[in-house]
C-alpha atoms as a PDB file:
ATOM      1  CA  MET A   1      95.593 146.807  83.749  1.00  0.00           C
ATOM      2  CA  ARG A   2      92.506 144.572  84.321  1.00  0.00           C
ATOM      3  CA  GLU A   3      91.281 143.565  87.749  1.00  0.00           C
ATOM      4  CA  TYR A   4      90.136 140.033  88.459  1.00  0.00           C
ATOM      5  CA  ALA A   5      87.813 139.405  91.429  1.00  0.00           C
ATOM      6  CA  TYR A   6      88.303 136.296  93.534  1.00  0.00           C
ATOM      7  CA  HIS A   7      86.328 134.867  96.461  1.00  0.00           C
ATOM      8  CA  THR A   8      87.451 132.396  99.131  1.00  0.00           C
ATOM      9  CA  THR A   9      85.314 129.795 100.863  1.00  0.00           C
ATOM     10  CA  ASP A  10      85.929 127.042 103.353  1.00  0.00           C
ATOM     11  CA  VAL A  11      84.521 123.815 101.977  1.00  0.00           C
ATOM     12  CA  PHE A  12      83.037 120.774 103.745  1.00  0.00           C
ATOM     13  CA  THR A  13      82.315 122.830 106.794  1.00  0.00           C
ATOM     14  CA  GLY A  14      79.761 125.239 108.175  1.00  0.00           C
ATOM     15  CA  ARG A  15      82.275 127.059 110.354  1.00  0.00           C
ATOM     16  CA  ARG A  16      84.862 129.574 109.190  1.00  0.00           C
ATOM     17  CA  PHE A  17      88.567 128.643 109.429  1.00  0.00           C
ATOM     18  CA  SER A  18      87.860 124.958 109.232  1.00  0.00           C
ATOM     19  CA  GLY A  19      87.294 122.714 106.274  1.00  0.00           C
ATOM     20  CA  ASN A  20      89.342 123.060 103.106  1.00  0.00           C
ATOM     21  CA  PRO A  21      89.916 126.658 101.826  1.00  0.00           C
ATOM     22  CA  LEU A  22      89.415 127.391  98.209  1.00  0.00           C
ATOM     23  CA  ALA A  23      89.877 130.516  96.013  1.00  0.00           C
ATOM     24  CA  VAL A  24      87.503 131.016  93.098  1.00  0.00           C
ATOM     25  CA  PHE A  25      87.936 133.403  90.190  1.00  0.00           C
ATOM     26  CA  PRO A  26      84.344 133.610  88.906  1.00  0.00           C
ATOM     27  CA  ASP A  27      85.292 135.359  85.585  1.00  0.00           C
ATOM     28  CA  ALA A  28      88.683 134.219  84.405  1.00  0.00           C
ATOM     29  CA  ARG A  29      88.381 135.371  80.768  1.00  0.00           C
ATOM     30  CA  GLY A  30      91.695 136.765  79.554  1.00  0.00           C
ATOM     31  CA  LEU A  31      93.893 134.785  81.957  1.00  0.00           C
ATOM     32  CA  ASP A  32      96.315 132.335  80.358  1.00  0.00           C
ATOM     33  CA  THR A  33      97.473 129.008  81.748  1.00  0.00           C
ATOM     34  CA  ALA A  34     100.807 130.380  83.106  1.00  0.00           C
ATOM     35  CA  THR A  35      98.989 133.215  84.937  1.00  0.00           C
ATOM     36  CA  MET A  36      96.431 130.818  86.457  1.00  0.00           C
ATOM     37  CA  GLN A  37      99.216 128.669  87.763  1.00  0.00           C
ATOM     38  CA  SER A  38     101.062 131.587  89.149  1.00  0.00           C
ATOM     39  CA  LEU A  39      97.937 132.886  90.953  1.00  0.00           C
ATOM     40  CA  ALA A  40      97.280 129.418  92.457  1.00  0.00           C
ATOM     41  CA  ALA A  41     100.835 129.160  93.667  1.00  0.00           C
ATOM     42  CA  GLU A  42     100.697 132.706  95.137  1.00  0.00           C
ATOM     43  CA  LEU A  43      97.414 132.153  96.926  1.00  0.00           C
ATOM     44  CA  ASN A  44      98.981 128.865  98.264  1.00  0.00           C
ATOM     45  CA  TYR A  45      95.688 126.983  98.779  1.00  0.00           C
ATOM     46  CA  SER A  46      95.507 123.280  97.915  1.00  0.00           C
ATOM     47  CA  GLU A  47      93.386 124.337  94.898  1.00  0.00           C
ATOM     48  CA  THR A  48      92.239 127.445  93.090  1.00  0.00           C
ATOM     49  CA  THR A  49      89.567 127.531  90.403  1.00  0.00           C
ATOM     50  CA  PHE A  50      89.090 129.665  87.282  1.00  0.00           C
ATOM     51  CA  VAL A  51      85.639 129.930  85.776  1.00  0.00           C
ATOM     52  CA  LEU A  52      85.300 130.318  81.947  1.00  0.00           C
ATOM     53  CA  PRO A  53      82.431 130.216  79.472  1.00  0.00           C
ATOM     54  CA  PRO A  54      81.605 126.632  78.526  1.00  0.00           C
ATOM     55  CA  ASP A  55      82.689 125.087  75.179  1.00  0.00           C
ATOM     56  CA  ASP A  56      79.188 123.598  74.934  1.00  0.00           C
ATOM     57  CA  PRO A  57      76.451 126.184  75.710  1.00  0.00           C
ATOM     58  CA  ALA A  58      74.295 123.414  77.152  1.00  0.00           C
ATOM     59  CA  ASN A  59      76.745 123.320  80.114  1.00  0.00           C
ATOM     60  CA  THR A  60      77.123 125.868  82.897  1.00  0.00           C
ATOM     61  CA  ALA A  61      80.855 126.658  82.724  1.00  0.00           C
ATOM     62  CA  ARG A  62      84.327 125.433  81.964  1.00  0.00           C
ATOM     63  CA  VAL A  63      86.246 125.156  85.291  1.00  0.00           C
ATOM     64  CA  ARG A  64      89.984 124.887  85.407  1.00  0.00           C
ATOM     65  CA  ILE A  65      91.502 123.658  88.706  1.00  0.00           C
ATOM     66  CA  PHE A  66      95.081 124.349  89.768  1.00  0.00           C
ATOM     67  CA  ASN A  67      96.941 123.140  92.764  1.00  0.00           C
ATOM     68  CA  ARG A  68     100.274 124.900  93.813  1.00  0.00           C
ATOM     69  CA  THR A  69     102.271 123.164  91.047  1.00  0.00           C
ATOM     70  CA  ALA A  70     100.035 121.796  88.351  1.00  0.00           C
ATOM     71  CA  GLU A  71      96.560 121.749  86.700  1.00  0.00           C
ATOM     72  CA  MET A  72      94.208 119.144  88.066  1.00  0.00           C
ATOM     73  CA  PRO A  73      91.858 117.010  85.856  1.00  0.00           C
ATOM     74  CA  PHE A  74      89.195 116.973  88.609  1.00  0.00           C
ATOM     75  CA  ALA A  75      88.921 117.548  92.293  1.00  0.00           C
ATOM     76  CA  GLY A  76      86.170 117.405  94.884  1.00  0.00           C
ATOM     77  CA  HIS A  77      86.209 120.463  97.094  1.00  0.00           C
ATOM     78  CA  PRO A  78      86.904 122.816  94.232  1.00  0.00           C
ATOM     79  CA  ASN A  79      83.715 121.743  92.447  1.00  0.00           C
ATOM     80  CA  VAL A  80      81.590 121.959  95.644  1.00  0.00           C
ATOM     81  CA  GLY A  81      83.134 125.322  96.573  1.00  0.00           C
ATOM     82  CA  THR A  82      82.933 126.788  93.058  1.00  0.00           C
ATOM     83  CA  ALA A  83      79.319 125.952  92.805  1.00  0.00           C
ATOM     84  CA  CYS A  84      78.472 127.559  96.173  1.00  0.00           C
ATOM     85  CA  VAL A  85      80.402 130.711  95.257  1.00  0.00           C
ATOM     86  CA  LEU A  86      78.718 131.087  91.941  1.00  0.00           C
ATOM     87  CA  ALA A  87      75.351 130.548  93.541  1.00  0.00           C
ATOM     88  CA  ARG A  88      76.128 133.005  96.312  1.00  0.00           C
ATOM     89  CA  LEU A  89      77.013 135.655  93.724  1.00  0.00           C
ATOM     90  CA  GLY A  90      73.828 135.032  91.825  1.00  0.00           C
ATOM     91  CA  LEU A  91      75.709 133.848  88.721  1.00  0.00           C
ATOM     92  CA  VAL A  92      73.796 130.659  88.391  1.00  0.00           C
ATOM     93  CA  ARG A  93      70.094 129.944  88.776  1.00  0.00           C
ATOM     94  CA  ASP A  94      69.650 126.295  87.978  1.00  0.00           C
ATOM     95  CA  PRO A  95      70.033 123.925  90.958  1.00  0.00           C
ATOM     96  CA  VAL A  96      71.938 121.478  88.715  1.00  0.00           C
ATOM     97  CA  LEU A  97      75.231 122.779  87.276  1.00  0.00           C
ATOM     98  CA  LYS A  98      77.435 121.066  84.648  1.00  0.00           C
ATOM     99  CA  PHE A  99      81.152 121.941  84.736  1.00  0.00           C
ATOM    100  CA  GLU A 100      83.418 121.054  81.861  1.00  0.00           C
ATOM    101  CA  GLU A 101      86.728 119.799  83.196  1.00  0.00           C
ATOM    102  CA  LEU A 102      89.850 117.894  81.964  1.00  0.00           C
ATOM    103  CA  ALA A 103      88.502 114.612  83.409  1.00  0.00           C
ATOM    104  CA  GLY A 104      85.094 115.057  81.805  1.00  0.00           C
ATOM    105  CA  LEU A 105      81.686 116.668  82.641  1.00  0.00           C
ATOM    106  CA  VAL A 106      81.072 117.079  86.316  1.00  0.00           C
ATOM    107  CA  GLU A 107      77.413 117.457  87.626  1.00  0.00           C
ATOM    108  CA  VAL A 108      76.989 119.610  90.663  1.00  0.00           C
ATOM    109  CA  ARG A 109      73.703 119.773  92.525  1.00  0.00           C
ATOM    110  CA  LEU A 110      73.054 122.640  94.884  1.00  0.00           C
ATOM    111  CA  THR A 111      71.485 120.966  97.902  1.00  0.00           C
ATOM    112  CA  GLY A 112      70.614 124.028 100.020  1.00  0.00           C
ATOM    113  CA  ASP A 113      72.070 127.300 101.254  1.00  0.00           C
ATOM    114  CA  ASP A 114      75.826 127.117 100.728  1.00  0.00           C
ATOM    115  CA  SER A 115      75.929 123.351 100.140  1.00  0.00           C
ATOM    116  CA  ALA A 116      76.404 121.114  97.115  1.00  0.00           C
ATOM    117  CA  GLU A 117      77.043 117.564  96.011  1.00  0.00           C
ATOM    118  CA  ILE A 118      78.882 116.433  92.991  1.00  0.00           C
ATOM    119  CA  ASP A 119      79.122 113.166  90.980  1.00  0.00           C
ATOM    120  CA  ALA A 120      82.649 112.109  90.123  1.00  0.00           C
ATOM    121  CA  PRO A 121      83.145 112.244  86.305  1.00  0.00           C
ATOM    122  CA  GLN A 122      84.391 108.685  85.856  1.00  0.00           C
ATOM    123  CA  PRO A 123      83.530 105.216  87.302  1.00  0.00           C
ATOM    124  CA  LEU A 124      85.994 103.529  89.533  1.00  0.00           C
ATOM    125  CA  GLN A 125      89.201 102.362  88.042  1.00  0.00           C
ATOM    126  CA  VAL A 126      91.651 100.257  90.166  1.00  0.00           C
ATOM    127  CA  LYS A 127      95.122 100.590  88.758  1.00  0.00           C
ATOM    128  CA  GLY A 128      97.403  98.386  90.833  1.00  0.00           C
ATOM    129  CA  GLU A 129      98.890  97.659  94.291  1.00  0.00           C
ATOM    130  CA  LEU A 130     101.916  99.325  95.937  1.00  0.00           C
ATOM    131  CA  PRO A 131     104.340  97.657  98.426  1.00  0.00           C
ATOM    132  CA  VAL A 132     103.357  97.905 101.979  1.00  0.00           C
ATOM    133  CA  ASP A 133     106.842  98.550 103.236  1.00  0.00           C
ATOM    134  CA  ALA A 134     107.380 101.521 100.884  1.00  0.00           C
ATOM    135  CA  ILE A 135     103.982 103.071 101.861  1.00  0.00           C
ATOM    136  CA  ALA A 136     104.764 102.547 105.527  1.00  0.00           C
ATOM    137  CA  ALA A 137     108.067 104.409 105.003  1.00  0.00           C
ATOM    138  CA  CYS A 138     106.250 107.353 103.360  1.00  0.00           C
ATOM    139  CA  LEU A 139     103.971 107.562 106.412  1.00  0.00           C
ATOM    140  CA  SER A 140     106.732 107.066 109.059  1.00  0.00           C
ATOM    141  CA  LEU A 141     104.842 104.015 110.285  1.00  0.00           C
ATOM    142  CA  ASP A 142     105.612 100.373 111.063  1.00  0.00           C
ATOM    143  CA  PRO A 143     104.454  98.179 108.237  1.00  0.00           C
ATOM    144  CA  ALA A 144     102.365  96.233 110.846  1.00  0.00           C
ATOM    145  CA  GLN A 145     100.176  99.310 111.279  1.00  0.00           C
ATOM    146  CA  ILE A 146      98.948  99.063 107.708  1.00  0.00           C
ATOM    147  CA  SER A 147      95.832  97.012 107.413  1.00  0.00           C
ATOM    148  CA  THR A 148      95.639  94.624 104.448  1.00  0.00           C
ATOM    149  CA  ARG A 149      92.497  92.800 105.525  1.00  0.00           C
ATOM    150  CA  ASP A 150      90.311  94.275 102.797  1.00  0.00           C
ATOM    151  CA  HIS A 151      92.954  95.517 100.327  1.00  0.00           C
ATOM    152  CA  LYS A 152      96.623  96.193 100.053  1.00  0.00           C
ATOM    153  CA  PRO A 153      97.758  99.824  99.344  1.00  0.00           C
ATOM    154  CA  VAL A 154      96.181 100.447  95.941  1.00  0.00           C
ATOM    155  CA  GLU A 155      96.060 103.117  93.352  1.00  0.00           C
ATOM    156  CA  ALA A 156      92.514 103.977  92.200  1.00  0.00           C
ATOM    157  CA  THR A 157      90.663 106.795  90.658  1.00  0.00           C
ATOM    158  CA  VAL A 158      87.207 108.357  89.744  1.00  0.00           C
ATOM    159  CA  GLY A 159      88.933 111.231  87.909  1.00  0.00           C
ATOM    160  CA  VAL A 160      92.191 111.828  89.717  1.00  0.00           C
ATOM    161  CA  ASP A 161      94.578 109.194  91.088  1.00  0.00           C
ATOM    162  CA  PHE A 162      95.274 108.435  94.729  1.00  0.00           C
ATOM    163  CA  VAL A 163      96.917 105.567  96.645  1.00  0.00           C
ATOM    164  CA  PHE A 164      94.493 104.190  99.238  1.00  0.00           C
ATOM    165  CA  THR A 165      95.925 102.754 102.473  1.00  0.00           C
ATOM    166  CA  ALA A 166      93.939 101.434 105.403  1.00  0.00           C
ATOM    167  CA  LEU A 167      95.419 101.815 108.824  1.00  0.00           C
ATOM    168  CA  ALA A 168      94.776 100.565 112.295  1.00  0.00           C
ATOM    169  CA  PRO A 169      92.724 103.336 113.928  1.00  0.00           C
ATOM    170  CA  GLU A 170      95.440 104.228 116.557  1.00  0.00           C
ATOM    171  CA  ALA A 171      98.010 104.740 113.715  1.00  0.00           C
ATOM    172  CA  LEU A 172      96.100 107.481 111.900  1.00  0.00           C
ATOM    173  CA  ALA A 173      97.195 110.428 114.174  1.00  0.00           C
ATOM    174  CA  ARG A 174     100.795 109.044 114.240  1.00  0.00           C
ATOM    175  CA  ALA A 175     101.264 109.174 110.491  1.00  0.00           C
ATOM    176  CA  ASN A 176     103.750 111.803 109.285  1.00  0.00           C
ATOM    177  CA  PRO A 177     105.039 112.137 105.680  1.00  0.00           C
ATOM    178  CA  ASP A 178     108.677 111.349 104.951  1.00  0.00           C
ATOM    179  CA  LEU A 179     109.635 113.387 101.896  1.00  0.00           C
ATOM    180  CA  GLY A 180     112.665 111.243 100.995  1.00  0.00           C
ATOM    181  CA  ALA A 181     110.512 108.068 101.105  1.00  0.00           C
ATOM    182  CA  PHE A 182     107.866 109.728  98.909  1.00  0.00           C
ATOM    183  CA  ARG A 183     110.500 110.628  96.349  1.00  0.00           C
ATOM    184  CA  ARG A 184     111.966 107.117  96.322  1.00  0.00           C
ATOM    185  CA  LEU A 185     108.507 105.463  95.892  1.00  0.00           C
ATOM    186  CA  ALA A 186     107.496 107.938  93.192  1.00  0.00           C
ATOM    187  CA  ASP A 187     110.696 107.129  91.337  1.00  0.00           C
ATOM    188  CA  SER A 188     110.391 103.325  91.677  1.00  0.00           C
ATOM    189  CA  SER A 189     106.654 103.217  90.920  1.00  0.00           C
ATOM    190  CA  GLY A 190     106.577 105.579  88.054  1.00  0.00           C
ATOM    191  CA  LEU A 191     104.165 107.921  89.861  1.00  0.00           C
ATOM    192  CA  THR A 192     106.524 110.854  89.496  1.00  0.00           C
ATOM    193  CA  ASP A 193     103.795 113.250  88.372  1.00  0.00           C
ATOM    194  CA  ARG A 194     101.388 112.515  91.263  1.00  0.00           C
ATOM    195  CA  LEU A 195     101.935 110.413  94.381  1.00  0.00           C
ATOM    196  CA  SER A 196      99.068 111.267  96.704  1.00  0.00           C
ATOM    197  CA  ILE A 197      98.487 108.852  99.663  1.00  0.00           C
ATOM    198  CA  PHE A 198      95.100 108.797 101.206  1.00  0.00           C
ATOM    199  CA  LEU A 199      95.057 106.917 104.514  1.00  0.00           C
ATOM    200  CA  TYR A 200      91.897 105.975 106.389  1.00  0.00           C
ATOM    201  CA  ALA A 201      90.528 104.061 109.335  1.00  0.00           C
ATOM    202  CA  HIS A 202      87.004 102.839 110.004  1.00  0.00           C
ATOM    203  CA  ASP A 203      85.319 104.833 112.750  1.00  0.00           C
ATOM    204  CA  GLY A 204      81.962 103.287 113.719  1.00  0.00           C
ATOM    205  CA  SER A 205      79.724 103.561 110.645  1.00  0.00           C
ATOM    206  CA  GLY A 206      81.966 106.207 109.070  1.00  0.00           C
ATOM    207  CA  ILE A 207      85.594 106.925 108.073  1.00  0.00           C
ATOM    208  CA  ARG A 208      88.411 108.993 109.547  1.00  0.00           C
ATOM    209  CA  ALA A 209      90.980 110.073 106.961  1.00  0.00           C
ATOM    210  CA  ARG A 210      94.041 112.060 106.069  1.00  0.00           C
ATOM    211  CA  MET A 211      95.804 112.749 102.774  1.00  0.00           C
ATOM    212  CA  PHE A 212      99.402 113.600 102.027  1.00  0.00           C
ATOM    213  CA  ALA A 213     100.741 114.838  98.619  1.00  0.00           C
ATOM    214  CA  PRO A 214     104.036 116.586  99.553  1.00  0.00           C
ATOM    215  CA  LEU A 215     105.487 116.178  96.026  1.00  0.00           C
ATOM    216  CA  SER A 216     102.686 118.281  94.710  1.00  0.00           C
ATOM    217  CA  GLY A 217     103.162 120.980  97.374  1.00  0.00           C
ATOM    218  CA  THR A 218     100.322 119.703  99.682  1.00  0.00           C
ATOM    219  CA  TRP A 219     101.938 118.426 102.890  1.00  0.00           C
ATOM    220  CA  GLU A 220      98.525 117.504 104.169  1.00  0.00           C
ATOM    221  CA  ASP A 221      95.027 118.278 102.894  1.00  0.00           C
ATOM    222  CA  PRO A 222      92.181 119.075 105.292  1.00  0.00           C
ATOM    223  CA  ALA A 223      89.470 117.621 102.990  1.00  0.00           C
ATOM    224  CA  THR A 224      89.884 115.689  99.818  1.00  0.00           C
ATOM    225  CA  GLY A 225      86.572 115.222  98.017  1.00  0.00           C
ATOM    226  CA  SER A 226      87.900 113.309  95.025  1.00  0.00           C
ATOM    227  CA  ALA A 227      89.787 110.861  97.184  1.00  0.00           C
ATOM    228  CA  ASN A 228      86.918 110.320  99.565  1.00  0.00           C
ATOM    229  CA  ALA A 229      84.623 109.663  96.526  1.00  0.00           C
ATOM    230  CA  THR A 230      87.127 107.226  95.152  1.00  0.00           C
ATOM    231  CA  LEU A 231      87.354 105.463  98.522  1.00  0.00           C
ATOM    232  CA  ALA A 232      83.557 105.119  98.612  1.00  0.00           C
ATOM    233  CA  ALA A 233      83.547 103.537  95.220  1.00  0.00           C
ATOM    234  CA  LEU A 234      86.431 101.239  96.224  1.00  0.00           C
ATOM    235  CA  LEU A 235      84.783 100.115  99.466  1.00  0.00           C
ATOM    236  CA  LEU A 236      81.502  99.300  97.604  1.00  0.00           C
ATOM    237  CA  SER A 237      83.413  97.328  94.964  1.00  0.00           C
ATOM    238  CA  LEU A 238      84.767  95.132  97.711  1.00  0.00           C
ATOM    239  CA  THR A 239      81.222  94.038  98.613  1.00  0.00           C
ATOM    240  CA  ASP A 240      78.159  92.563  96.990  1.00  0.00           C
ATOM    241  CA  ASP A 241      76.022  95.567  97.949  1.00  0.00           C
ATOM    242  CA  GLU A 242      74.280  97.787  95.462  1.00  0.00           C
ATOM    243  CA  SER A 243      75.037 101.037  97.197  1.00  0.00           C
ATOM    244  CA  LEU A 244      76.456 102.579 100.396  1.00  0.00           C
ATOM    245  CA  ALA A 245      76.380 105.960 102.155  1.00  0.00           C
ATOM    246  CA  TYR A 246      78.363 107.325 105.044  1.00  0.00           C
ATOM    247  CA  ARG A 247      80.173 110.366 106.425  1.00  0.00           C
ATOM    248  CA  ALA A 248      83.921 110.965 106.478  1.00  0.00           C
ATOM    249  CA  ILE A 249      85.852 113.145 108.855  1.00  0.00           C
ATOM    250  CA  GLN A 250      89.194 114.643 107.702  1.00  0.00           C
ATOM    251  CA  GLY A 251      91.533 117.451 108.775  1.00  0.00           C
ATOM    252  CA  VAL A 252      91.218 116.915 112.495  1.00  0.00           C
ATOM    253  CA  GLU A 253      95.008 116.552 112.935  1.00  0.00           C
ATOM    254  CA  MET A 254      95.528 119.867 111.090  1.00  0.00           C
ATOM    255  CA  GLY A 255      93.050 121.754 113.235  1.00  0.00           C
ATOM    256  CA  ARG A 256      90.686 122.134 110.279  1.00  0.00           C
ATOM    257  CA  PRO A 257      88.048 119.443 110.830  1.00  0.00           C
ATOM    258  CA  SER A 258      85.950 118.718 107.760  1.00  0.00           C
ATOM    259  CA  GLU A 259      82.882 116.607 107.233  1.00  0.00           C
ATOM    260  CA  LEU A 260      82.008 114.991 103.914  1.00  0.00           C
ATOM    261  CA  SER A 261      78.870 113.088 102.855  1.00  0.00           C
ATOM    262  CA  LEU A 262      79.682 110.096 100.547  1.00  0.00           C
ATOM    263  CA  ARG A 263      77.510 107.882  98.370  1.00  0.00           C
ATOM    264  CA  ALA A 264      78.488 105.109  95.973  1.00  0.00           C
ATOM    265  CA  TRP A 265      76.375 102.919  93.696  1.00  0.00           C
ATOM    266  CA  ARG A 266      76.606 100.328  90.954  1.00  0.00           C
ATOM    267  CA  ALA A 267      75.864 101.808  87.482  1.00  0.00           C
ATOM    268  CA  PRO A 268      75.850 100.146  84.028  1.00  0.00           C
ATOM    269  CA  ASP A 269      79.379 101.398  83.426  1.00  0.00           C
ATOM    270  CA  GLY A 270      80.885 100.499  86.818  1.00  0.00           C
ATOM    271  CA  VAL A 271      80.889 101.809  90.399  1.00  0.00           C
ATOM    272  CA  ARG A 272      79.995 105.503  90.623  1.00  0.00           C
ATOM    273  CA  ALA A 273      80.336 107.830  93.566  1.00  0.00           C
ATOM    274  CA  SER A 274      79.383 111.355  94.799  1.00  0.00           C
ATOM    275  CA  VAL A 275      80.594 113.592  97.531  1.00  0.00           C
ATOM    276  CA  GLY A 276      78.966 116.678  99.064  1.00  0.00           C
ATOM    277  CA  GLY A 277      78.869 119.063 101.994  1.00  0.00           C
ATOM    278  CA  PRO A 278      78.456 122.712 103.066  1.00  0.00           C
ATOM    279  CA  CYS A 279      80.610 125.768 102.433  1.00  0.00           C
ATOM    280  CA  VAL A 280      81.055 129.021 104.340  1.00  0.00           C
ATOM    281  CA  PRO A 281      82.320 132.324 102.760  1.00  0.00           C
ATOM    282  CA  VAL A 282      85.524 133.834 104.133  1.00  0.00           C
ATOM    283  CA  PHE A 283      86.759 136.878 102.166  1.00  0.00           C
ATOM    284  CA  SER A 284      86.901 138.485  98.717  1.00  0.00           C
ATOM    285  CA  GLY A 285      89.649 140.352  96.923  1.00  0.00           C
ATOM    286  CA  ARG A 286      90.830 141.768  93.551  1.00  0.00           C
ATOM    287  CA  VAL A 287      94.084 141.181  91.577  1.00  0.00           C
ATOM    288  CA  GLY A 288      95.294 143.691  89.070  1.00  0.00           C
ATOM    289  CA  LEU A 289      97.133 142.125  86.103  1.00  0.00           C
END
């Protein structure tokens, strides 16, 4: 029997038991895909990461990310949290890390004690709109509470797909996922593998957000870095500005408040985005397999 160490950290927060929890296996050599998926399901966090030697020795590591039901091509808080755990354990020295992932190469910058910022691996891609009535049903809201002033509900990505829905500020706390409506929309739209709805409202100079992905096992996510980065890129794309920066708050309704720092900028290949924030260690353990 071999033992595998894992470490948990709360991401996008400086206070334990808030933010988004993550489990990291810093040396996953010898684990196959099925075992990684089983471990992620057993730990029951929104994501768990498994660190492997890189395919290209010029990079830091190959990082595989699993949610409760499937492997993810890319995600925000797993990259930020994995970088912080590896640095805390003394397994990396360079302040700039490069993680090989299914969506591409992810650059992570260690920005201080237990904090990091990542660049999303792909420029913004906007894939198409979804019907307001169907999205409102998924959120148990009246269609009038969905704002279409800047955009209709739209699928977009910088490495992993989300459906972005702007709400009237007073509607954000009232949203509640309807599993039946999610299934009907997933079937009718073809998004059967991943229907994740990221809802947001403007809050002064920042954003308040929530994210529901019940078909993937995440009823609600306390902090979704990849979605927030995509939203930053989407918001910039709707303007003539060259860049933007703001802070987003998520997880309040779950009792796990999270704060994320977002940037987006225009690059030669399109609109790019980054997301960052602090992490705090929680506990460590070992699994015998």
